Amino acid sequence: DNLDKSMVVPNPYIVHSDYKETEYKKKIRFTRLPETCTITIFTVSGELVQEMEHNDGTGSAAWGSIANMDYQLTKWALGIAPGFYIYSIESMVSGHEGESFIGKMAIIK
């Protein structure tokens, strides 16, 4: 598991665009993930926005999924604001527990 290759797409995420997409396709995707990990999203001032557990082994997870009904909502079910965010991916894979990667992303409304 090389966490340095993990990334978020699209980045920047544009909430309103001219593309003909349904709300089911509007997702922020975390890719190249370890089999099991925790994704934590913070504001640039360090406030917790959302925390997601990834454990399906697919290598990707979405913030904005039908299953979780969390279309880019905060942990407290509030809509996210435009701006810059910091995310942390912490591996839970045996032998790599505690290894982490920190990245940044932007949301444009």
Protein backbone atom coordinates (compact mmCIF):
# COMPACT_ATOMS: atom_id res chain seq x y z
CA ASP A 1 0.00 0.00 0.00
CA ASN A 2 1.54 3.26 -1.13
CA LEU A 3 -0.62 5.99 0.39
CA ASP A 4 1.29 8.69 -1.50
CA LYS A 5 -0.61 7.65 -4.63
CA SER A 6 -4.02 8.20 -3.00
CA MET A 7 -5.97 11.10 -4.42
CA VAL A 8 -9.34 12.84 -4.54
CA VAL A 9 -11.20 13.43 -7.83
CA PRO A 10 -12.42 15.73 -9.16
CA ASN A 11 -10.25 18.36 -7.56
CA PRO A 12 -11.50 21.03 -7.53
CA TYR A 13 -15.03 19.75 -7.14
CA ILE A 14 -17.51 22.11 -8.84
CA VAL A 15 -20.95 21.77 -7.27
CA HIS A 16 -22.87 23.47 -10.09
CA SER A 17 -21.70 22.84 -13.63
CA ASP A 18 -23.13 22.70 -17.14
CA TYR A 19 -22.70 18.93 -17.32
CA LYS A 20 -25.94 16.99 -17.42
CA GLU A 21 -25.48 14.92 -14.28
CA THR A 22 -28.01 13.61 -11.83
CA GLU A 23 -27.46 14.08 -8.12
CA TYR A 24 -26.46 10.40 -8.00
CA LYS A 25 -23.30 11.11 -10.01
CA LYS A 26 -22.20 14.17 -8.05
CA LYS A 27 -19.59 12.57 -5.86
CA ILE A 28 -16.18 13.40 -4.55
CA ARG A 29 -14.17 10.20 -4.97
CA PHE A 30 -11.15 9.08 -3.01
CA THR A 31 -9.09 6.70 -5.13
CA ARG A 32 -6.10 4.38 -4.77
CA LEU A 33 -7.04 3.65 -1.18
CA PRO A 34 -5.79 0.81 1.02
CA GLU A 35 -8.23 -2.08 1.49
CA THR A 36 -9.27 -0.70 4.85
CA CYS A 37 -8.75 2.88 5.99
CA THR A 38 -10.32 5.89 7.63
CA ILE A 39 -10.83 9.08 5.63
CA THR A 40 -11.17 12.23 7.69
CA ILE A 41 -12.00 15.62 6.20
CA PHE A 42 -11.22 18.92 7.95
CA THR A 43 -11.59 22.61 7.23
CA VAL A 44 -8.29 24.47 6.85
CA SER A 45 -8.79 25.74 10.41
CA GLY A 46 -8.85 22.14 11.67
CA GLU A 47 -12.59 21.65 12.29
CA LEU A 48 -13.85 18.12 11.66
CA VAL A 49 -16.19 17.99 8.65
CA GLN A 50 -16.67 14.28 7.93
CA GLU A 51 -15.20 10.90 8.78
CA MET A 52 -15.68 7.82 6.63
CA GLU A 53 -14.67 4.21 7.15
CA HIS A 54 -13.56 2.43 3.98
CA ASN A 55 -13.43 -1.35 4.26
CA ASP A 56 -14.81 -2.90 1.09
CA GLY A 57 -11.40 -3.51 -0.53
CA THR A 58 -12.33 -1.73 -3.77
CA GLY A 59 -9.64 0.95 -3.56
CA SER A 60 -12.11 3.82 -3.83
CA ALA A 61 -14.74 5.53 -1.72
CA ALA A 62 -17.19 8.33 -2.43
CA TRP A 63 -18.27 11.29 -0.36
CA GLY A 64 -21.75 11.64 -1.69
CA SER A 65 -23.22 8.18 -2.02
CA ILE A 66 -26.72 6.78 -2.31
CA ALA A 67 -25.91 4.16 0.32
CA ASN A 68 -24.95 6.74 2.94
CA MET A 69 -27.32 9.51 1.75
CA ASP A 70 -24.52 12.00 2.47
CA TYR A 71 -24.35 14.14 -0.64
CA GLN A 72 -21.33 16.15 0.54
CA LEU A 73 -22.80 16.75 3.97
CA THR A 74 -20.87 17.31 7.15
CA LYS A 75 -20.90 14.82 9.97
CA TRP A 76 -23.83 16.80 11.38
CA ALA A 77 -25.87 16.65 8.12
CA LEU A 78 -25.13 20.26 7.17
CA GLY A 79 -24.27 21.29 3.62
CA ILE A 80 -20.61 21.92 2.93
CA ALA A 81 -19.34 25.40 2.18
CA PRO A 82 -17.13 26.29 -0.77
CA GLY A 83 -13.47 26.53 0.08
CA PHE A 84 -10.37 24.52 0.77
CA TYR A 85 -10.37 21.31 2.79
CA ILE A 86 -7.71 19.00 4.18
CA TYR A 87 -8.20 15.24 4.15
CA SER A 88 -6.34 12.48 5.93
CA ILE A 89 -6.27 8.82 4.90
CA GLU A 90 -5.14 6.48 7.65
CA SER A 91 -4.40 2.86 6.74
CA MET A 92 -5.87 0.03 8.82
CA VAL A 93 -4.21 -2.71 6.73
CA SER A 94 -2.27 -5.26 8.78
CA GLY A 95 1.38 -4.27 8.85
CA HIS A 96 0.58 -0.71 7.75
CA GLU A 97 -1.68 0.40 10.63
CA GLY A 98 -1.27 4.06 11.48
CA GLU A 99 0.42 5.03 8.21
CA SER A 100 -1.29 8.11 6.83
CA PHE A 101 -1.46 10.51 3.93
CA ILE A 102 -2.61 14.12 4.08
CA GLY A 103 -3.95 15.92 1.02
CA LYS A 104 -5.95 18.99 0.09
CA MET A 105 -9.00 19.63 -2.04
CA ALA A 106 -11.17 22.54 -3.13
CA ILE A 107 -14.94 22.86 -3.43
CA ILE A 108 -16.39 25.51 -5.73
CA LYS A 109 -20.10 26.45 -5.70
